[in-house]
Protein backbone atom coordinates (compact mmCIF):
# COMPACT_ATOMS: atom_id res chain seq x y z
CA MET A 1 65.11 3.85 -40.86
CA GLU A 2 64.05 1.77 -43.78
CA GLU A 3 60.53 0.36 -44.06
CA GLY A 4 59.48 -3.25 -43.71
CA GLY A 5 61.47 -4.09 -40.57
CA ALA A 6 64.80 -3.72 -42.36
CA LYS A 7 67.88 -2.67 -40.42
CA PRO A 8 68.66 1.04 -40.16
CA VAL A 9 71.10 2.43 -42.72
CA CYS A 10 74.73 1.55 -41.87
CA ALA A 11 73.61 -0.39 -38.77
CA GLU A 12 76.16 -3.18 -39.20
CA GLU A 13 79.05 -0.73 -39.60
CA ALA A 14 77.96 1.28 -36.55
CA LEU A 15 77.49 -1.85 -34.44
CA HIS A 16 80.93 -3.21 -35.37
CA LEU A 17 82.55 0.10 -34.44
CA LEU A 18 80.72 0.34 -31.11
CA ASN A 19 81.69 -3.22 -30.22
CA CYS A 20 85.28 -2.55 -31.20
CA VAL A 21 85.65 0.37 -28.79
CA THR A 22 84.33 -1.74 -25.91
CA GLN A 23 86.89 -4.50 -26.37
CA SER A 24 89.83 -4.88 -24.06
CA PRO A 25 92.58 -4.53 -25.01
CA PHE A 26 91.58 -1.65 -27.27
CA ASP A 27 92.67 -2.33 -30.87
CA GLU A 28 92.93 1.19 -32.23
CA PRO A 29 93.99 0.24 -35.79
CA LYS A 30 91.01 -2.13 -36.10
CA CYS A 31 88.59 0.47 -34.74
CA LEU A 32 90.01 3.08 -37.09
CA ARG A 33 89.36 0.76 -40.05
CA LEU A 34 85.80 0.26 -38.81
CA LEU A 35 85.38 4.02 -38.42
CA HIS A 36 86.40 4.51 -42.03
CA SER A 37 84.00 1.77 -43.07
CA LEU A 38 81.15 3.57 -41.28
CA ARG A 39 82.19 6.88 -42.82
CA ASP A 40 82.18 5.33 -46.30
CA CYS A 41 78.70 3.92 -45.68
CA VAL A 42 77.18 7.20 -44.50
CA LEU A 43 78.67 9.03 -47.47
CA ALA A 44 77.37 6.40 -49.90
CA LYS A 45 73.88 6.39 -48.33
CA LYS A 46 73.85 10.18 -47.83
CA VAL A 47 73.05 9.90 -44.12
CA LYS A 48 72.64 13.32 -42.51
CA LYS A 49 72.06 12.37 -38.87
CA PHE A 50 71.67 9.34 -36.61
CA SER A 51 69.30 9.13 -33.66
CA LEU A 52 68.39 6.56 -31.05
CA ALA A 53 64.86 5.16 -30.79
CA GLY A 54 62.70 7.71 -28.99
CA GLN A 55 65.38 10.41 -29.07
CA GLU A 56 63.87 12.40 -31.94
CA GLN A 57 60.54 12.90 -30.16
CA GLN A 58 62.32 14.09 -27.01
CA GLU A 59 64.35 16.67 -28.93
CA THR A 60 61.33 18.17 -30.70
CA LYS A 61 59.09 18.50 -27.63
CA PRO A 62 59.60 21.57 -25.43
CA SER A 63 60.70 20.77 -21.91
CA THR A 64 57.91 21.04 -19.33
CA LYS A 65 60.23 20.53 -16.35
CA LYS A 66 61.04 23.48 -14.15
CA ALA A 67 64.43 23.96 -12.48
């Protein structure tokens, strides 16, 4: 994420794509254009990985739960 309360990198492109896939009827050509737009953004911004808020801490902590 960027500092100063700014939106995460490529947030608008990701949000548009997510909203596209939830629409009914599904407009595959539109969603494909949005996918390419997101891909262009991550390449331009050199994004390596996305994560959800709180997800990164969960992945790095060892699990204490027993099966």
